[in-house]
Amino acid sequence: MSEVTAAWIRIERWLSRHAPVGPWRAYLIGGGDLWWGLAGETEVNGEPLRPAPRT
């Protein structure tokens, strides 16, 4: 996982605890890039989405 992706995951974790993110969730696509999408999405532009780690 890249340093940028790791930083975004930390930001997502903070937001989910301290600010409303509503239906939005953090996902990883392709080579580990972060993507924000609606809960339950499974792909973007034909690439599978994986839930971003929360720890």
PDB file of N, CA and C in Angstrom:
ATOM      1  N   MET A   1       0.844  -1.166   0.000  1.00  0.00           N
ATOM      2  CA  MET A   1       0.000   0.000   0.000  1.00  0.00           C
ATOM      3  C   MET A   1       0.894   1.235   0.000  1.00  0.00           C
ATOM      4  N   SER A   2       0.542   2.200  -0.826  1.00  0.00           N
ATOM      5  CA  SER A   2       1.364   3.405  -0.916  1.00  0.00           C
ATOM      6  C   SER A   2       1.167   4.290   0.312  1.00  0.00           C
ATOM      7  N   GLU A   3       2.115   5.200   0.526  1.00  0.00           N
ATOM      8  CA  GLU A   3       2.014   6.129   1.656  1.00  0.00           C
ATOM      9  C   GLU A   3       0.794   7.031   1.508  1.00  0.00           C
ATOM     10  N   VAL A   4       0.483   7.414   0.274  1.00  0.00           N
ATOM     11  CA  VAL A   4      -0.680   8.283   0.035  1.00  0.00           C
ATOM     12  C   VAL A   4      -1.958   7.538   0.397  1.00  0.00           C
ATOM     13  N   THR A   5      -2.065   6.290  -0.024  1.00  0.00           N
ATOM     14  CA  THR A   5      -3.257   5.501   0.302  1.00  0.00           C
ATOM     15  C   THR A   5      -3.373   5.325   1.807  1.00  0.00           C
ATOM     16  N   ALA A   6      -2.276   5.046   2.476  1.00  0.00           N
ATOM     17  CA  ALA A   6      -2.293   4.887   3.928  1.00  0.00           C
ATOM     18  C   ALA A   6      -2.757   6.178   4.601  1.00  0.00           C
ATOM     19  N   ALA A   7      -2.322   7.327   4.095  1.00  0.00           N
ATOM     20  CA  ALA A   7      -2.747   8.607   4.656  1.00  0.00           C
ATOM     21  C   ALA A   7      -4.241   8.814   4.449  1.00  0.00           C
ATOM     22  N   TRP A   8      -4.753   8.481   3.274  1.00  0.00           N
ATOM     23  CA  TRP A   8      -6.186   8.624   3.021  1.00  0.00           C
ATOM     24  C   TRP A   8      -6.995   7.700   3.917  1.00  0.00           C
ATOM     25  N   ILE A   9      -6.488   6.530   4.179  1.00  0.00           N
ATOM     26  CA  ILE A   9      -7.190   5.605   5.067  1.00  0.00           C
ATOM     27  C   ILE A   9      -7.266   6.196   6.469  1.00  0.00           C
ATOM     28  N   ARG A  10      -6.183   6.831   6.934  1.00  0.00           N
ATOM     29  CA  ARG A  10      -6.219   7.482   8.245  1.00  0.00           C
ATOM     30  C   ARG A  10      -7.237   8.615   8.263  1.00  0.00           C
ATOM     31  N   ILE A  11      -7.316   9.368   7.178  1.00  0.00           N
ATOM     32  CA  ILE A  11      -8.296  10.452   7.087  1.00  0.00           C
ATOM     33  C   ILE A  11      -9.710   9.880   7.107  1.00  0.00           C
ATOM     34  N   GLU A  12      -9.951   8.820   6.347  1.00  0.00           N
ATOM     35  CA  GLU A  12     -11.277   8.190   6.324  1.00  0.00           C
ATOM     36  C   GLU A  12     -11.658   7.697   7.703  1.00  0.00           C
ATOM     37  N   ARG A  13     -10.719   7.090   8.400  1.00  0.00           N
ATOM     38  CA  ARG A  13     -10.979   6.583   9.751  1.00  0.00           C
ATOM     39  C   ARG A  13     -11.371   7.734  10.676  1.00  0.00           C
ATOM     40  N   TRP A  14     -10.639   8.847  10.598  1.00  0.00           N
ATOM     41  CA  TRP A  14     -10.955   9.997  11.444  1.00  0.00           C
ATOM     42  C   TRP A  14     -12.336  10.553  11.093  1.00  0.00           C
ATOM     43  N   LEU A  15     -12.609  10.717   9.796  1.00  0.00           N
ATOM     44  CA  LEU A  15     -13.901  11.247   9.379  1.00  0.00           C
ATOM     45  C   LEU A  15     -15.050  10.367   9.841  1.00  0.00           C
ATOM     46  N   SER A  16     -14.888   9.059   9.729  1.00  0.00           N
ATOM     47  CA  SER A  16     -15.974   8.163  10.102  1.00  0.00           C
ATOM     48  C   SER A  16     -16.267   8.225  11.597  1.00  0.00           C
ATOM     49  N   ARG A  17     -15.290   8.639  12.392  1.00  0.00           N
ATOM     50  CA  ARG A  17     -15.490   8.747  13.841  1.00  0.00           C
ATOM     51  C   ARG A  17     -15.943  10.132  14.280  1.00  0.00           C
ATOM     52  N   HIS A  18     -15.552  11.176  13.532  1.00  0.00           N
ATOM     53  CA  HIS A  18     -15.752  12.548  14.010  1.00  0.00           C
ATOM     54  C   HIS A  18     -16.595  13.430  13.093  1.00  0.00           C
ATOM     55  N   ALA A  19     -16.917  12.973  11.923  1.00  0.00           N
ATOM     56  CA  ALA A  19     -17.712  13.781  10.995  1.00  0.00           C
ATOM     57  C   ALA A  19     -18.649  12.851  10.231  1.00  0.00           C
ATOM     58  N   PRO A  20     -19.827  13.328   9.907  1.00  0.00           N
ATOM     59  CA  PRO A  20     -20.752  12.463   9.183  1.00  0.00           C
ATOM     60  C   PRO A  20     -20.246  12.174   7.760  1.00  0.00           C
ATOM     61  N   VAL A  21     -20.166  10.912   7.423  1.00  0.00           N
ATOM     62  CA  VAL A  21     -19.793  10.537   6.058  1.00  0.00           C
ATOM     63  C   VAL A  21     -20.984   9.939   5.336  1.00  0.00           C
ATOM     64  N   GLY A  22     -22.106   9.804   6.054  1.00  0.00           N
ATOM     65  CA  GLY A  22     -23.334   9.317   5.442  1.00  0.00           C
ATOM     66  C   GLY A  22     -23.133   7.978   4.757  1.00  0.00           C
ATOM     67  N   PRO A  23     -23.639   7.866   3.538  1.00  0.00           N
ATOM     68  CA  PRO A  23     -23.550   6.586   2.831  1.00  0.00           C
ATOM     69  C   PRO A  23     -22.204   6.355   2.154  1.00  0.00           C
ATOM     70  N   TRP A  24     -21.267   7.289   2.266  1.00  0.00           N
ATOM     71  CA  TRP A  24     -19.990   7.169   1.572  1.00  0.00           C
ATOM     72  C   TRP A  24     -19.045   6.249   2.329  1.00  0.00           C
ATOM     73  N   ARG A  25     -18.284   5.456   1.578  1.00  0.00           N
ATOM     74  CA  ARG A  25     -17.314   4.534   2.155  1.00  0.00           C
ATOM     75  C   ARG A  25     -16.013   4.616   1.357  1.00  0.00           C
ATOM     76  N   ALA A  26     -14.922   4.298   2.013  1.00  0.00           N
ATOM     77  CA  ALA A  26     -13.620   4.269   1.338  1.00  0.00           C
ATOM     78  C   ALA A  26     -13.369   2.869   0.798  1.00  0.00           C
ATOM     79  N   TYR A  27     -12.913   2.818  -0.439  1.00  0.00           N
ATOM     80  CA  TYR A  27     -12.584   1.559  -1.102  1.00  0.00           C
ATOM     81  C   TYR A  27     -11.188   1.656  -1.696  1.00  0.00           C
ATOM     82  N   LEU A  28     -10.589   0.511  -1.948  1.00  0.00           N
ATOM     83  CA  LEU A  28      -9.333   0.449  -2.689  1.00  0.00           C
ATOM     84  C   LEU A  28      -9.630  -0.115  -4.065  1.00  0.00           C
ATOM     85  N   ILE A  29      -9.010   0.477  -5.094  1.00  0.00           N
ATOM     86  CA  ILE A  29      -9.167  -0.025  -6.450  1.00  0.00           C
ATOM     87  C   ILE A  29      -7.801  -0.339  -7.027  1.00  0.00           C
ATOM     88  N   GLY A  30      -7.797  -1.186  -8.041  1.00  0.00           N
ATOM     89  CA  GLY A  30      -6.582  -1.476  -8.803  1.00  0.00           C
ATOM     90  C   GLY A  30      -5.352  -1.690  -7.950  1.00  0.00           C
ATOM     91  N   GLY A  31      -4.363  -0.828  -8.132  1.00  0.00           N
ATOM     92  CA  GLY A  31      -3.084  -0.953  -7.451  1.00  0.00           C
ATOM     93  C   GLY A  31      -3.084  -0.407  -6.041  1.00  0.00           C
ATOM     94  N   GLY A  32      -4.258  -0.264  -5.425  1.00  0.00           N
ATOM     95  CA  GLY A  32      -4.318   0.209  -4.049  1.00  0.00           C
ATOM     96  C   GLY A  32      -4.707   1.663  -3.914  1.00  0.00           C
ATOM     97  N   ASP A  33      -5.182   2.283  -5.014  1.00  0.00           N
ATOM     98  CA  ASP A  33      -5.630   3.669  -4.945  1.00  0.00           C
ATOM     99  C   ASP A  33      -6.926   3.758  -4.163  1.00  0.00           C
ATOM    100  N   LEU A  34      -7.106   4.865  -3.457  1.00  0.00           N
ATOM    101  CA  LEU A  34      -8.305   5.057  -2.658  1.00  0.00           C
ATOM    102  C   LEU A  34      -9.410   5.628  -3.524  1.00  0.00           C
ATOM    103  N   TRP A  35     -10.626   5.138  -3.315  1.00  0.00           N
ATOM    104  CA  TRP A  35     -11.800   5.609  -4.033  1.00  0.00           C
ATOM    105  C   TRP A  35     -12.940   5.751  -3.041  1.00  0.00           C
ATOM    106  N   TRP A  36     -13.651   6.879  -3.088  1.00  0.00           N
ATOM    107  CA  TRP A  36     -14.829   7.071  -2.247  1.00  0.00           C
ATOM    108  C   TRP A  36     -16.048   6.743  -3.070  1.00  0.00           C
ATOM    109  N   GLY A  37     -16.891   5.859  -2.558  1.00  0.00           N
ATOM    110  CA  GLY A  37     -18.117   5.489  -3.250  1.00  0.00           C
ATOM    111  C   GLY A  37     -19.219   5.224  -2.252  1.00  0.00           C
ATOM    112  N   LEU A  38     -20.395   5.008  -2.782  1.00  0.00           N
ATOM    113  CA  LEU A  38     -21.534   4.716  -1.922  1.00  0.00           C
ATOM    114  C   LEU A  38     -21.418   3.320  -1.345  1.00  0.00           C
ATOM    115  N   ALA A  39     -21.923   3.149  -0.148  1.00  0.00           N
ATOM    116  CA  ALA A  39     -21.886   1.838   0.508  1.00  0.00           C
ATOM    117  C   ALA A  39     -22.522   0.806  -0.403  1.00  0.00           C
ATOM    118  N   GLY A  40     -21.881  -0.342  -0.528  1.00  0.00           N
ATOM    119  CA  GLY A  40     -22.412  -1.428  -1.329  1.00  0.00           C
ATOM    120  C   GLY A  40     -21.930  -1.470  -2.766  1.00  0.00           C
ATOM    121  N   GLU A  41     -21.198  -0.451  -3.222  1.00  0.00           N
ATOM    122  CA  GLU A  41     -20.676  -0.481  -4.585  1.00  0.00           C
ATOM    123  C   GLU A  41     -19.659  -1.609  -4.706  1.00  0.00           C
ATOM    124  N   THR A  42     -19.586  -2.209  -5.889  1.00  0.00           N
ATOM    125  CA  THR A  42     -18.671  -3.328  -6.078  1.00  0.00           C
ATOM    126  C   THR A  42     -17.630  -3.084  -7.157  1.00  0.00           C
ATOM    127  N   GLU A  43     -17.830  -2.068  -8.010  1.00  0.00           N
ATOM    128  CA  GLU A  43     -16.836  -1.780  -9.037  1.00  0.00           C
ATOM    129  C   GLU A  43     -16.934  -0.344  -9.503  1.00  0.00           C
ATOM    130  N   VAL A  44     -15.843   0.135 -10.100  1.00  0.00           N
ATOM    131  CA  VAL A  44     -15.812   1.456 -10.723  1.00  0.00           C
ATOM    132  C   VAL A  44     -14.999   1.316 -12.005  1.00  0.00           C
ATOM    133  N   ASN A  45     -15.549   1.784 -13.089  1.00  0.00           N
ATOM    134  CA  ASN A  45     -14.896   1.676 -14.402  1.00  0.00           C
ATOM    135  C   ASN A  45     -14.428   0.257 -14.696  1.00  0.00           C
ATOM    136  N   GLY A  46     -15.222  -0.725 -14.279  1.00  0.00           N
ATOM    137  CA  GLY A  46     -14.895  -2.125 -14.543  1.00  0.00           C
ATOM    138  C   GLY A  46     -13.884  -2.737 -13.595  1.00  0.00           C
ATOM    139  N   GLU A  47     -13.347  -1.953 -12.671  1.00  0.00           N
ATOM    140  CA  GLU A  47     -12.385  -2.485 -11.699  1.00  0.00           C
ATOM    141  C   GLU A  47     -13.101  -2.801 -10.394  1.00  0.00           C
ATOM    142  N   PRO A  48     -12.766  -3.940  -9.775  1.00  0.00           N
ATOM    143  CA  PRO A  48     -13.425  -4.285  -8.512  1.00  0.00           C
ATOM    144  C   PRO A  48     -12.998  -3.343  -7.387  1.00  0.00           C
ATOM    145  N   LEU A  49     -13.939  -3.086  -6.496  1.00  0.00           N
ATOM    146  CA  LEU A  49     -13.674  -2.279  -5.306  1.00  0.00           C
ATOM    147  C   LEU A  49     -13.515  -3.213  -4.108  1.00  0.00           C
ATOM    148  N   ARG A  50     -12.536  -2.910  -3.273  1.00  0.00           N
ATOM    149  CA  ARG A  50     -12.355  -3.637  -2.022  1.00  0.00           C
ATOM    150  C   ARG A  50     -12.499  -2.629  -0.895  1.00  0.00           C
ATOM    151  N   PRO A  51     -13.231  -2.969   0.161  1.00  0.00           N
ATOM    152  CA  PRO A  51     -13.331  -2.033   1.287  1.00  0.00           C
ATOM    153  C   PRO A  51     -11.922  -1.704   1.817  1.00  0.00           C
ATOM    154  N   ALA A  52     -11.697  -0.422   2.067  1.00  0.00           N
ATOM    155  CA  ALA A  52     -10.401  -0.002   2.609  1.00  0.00           C
ATOM    156  C   ALA A  52     -10.269  -0.495   4.040  1.00  0.00           C
ATOM    157  N   PRO A  53      -9.063  -0.894   4.445  1.00  0.00           N
ATOM    158  CA  PRO A  53      -8.859  -1.311   5.828  1.00  0.00           C
ATOM    159  C   PRO A  53      -9.226  -0.192   6.791  1.00  0.00           C
ATOM    160  N   ARG A  54      -9.774  -0.532   7.927  1.00  0.00           N
ATOM    161  CA  ARG A  54     -10.193   0.472   8.904  1.00  0.00           C
ATOM    162  C   ARG A  54      -9.310   0.459  10.134  1.00  0.00           C
ATOM    163  N   THR A  55      -8.228  -0.273  10.096  1.00  0.00           N
ATOM    164  CA  THR A  55      -7.357  -0.319  11.275  1.00  0.00           C
ATOM    165  C   THR A  55      -5.998   0.243  10.949  1.00  0.00           C
TER     166      THR A  55
END
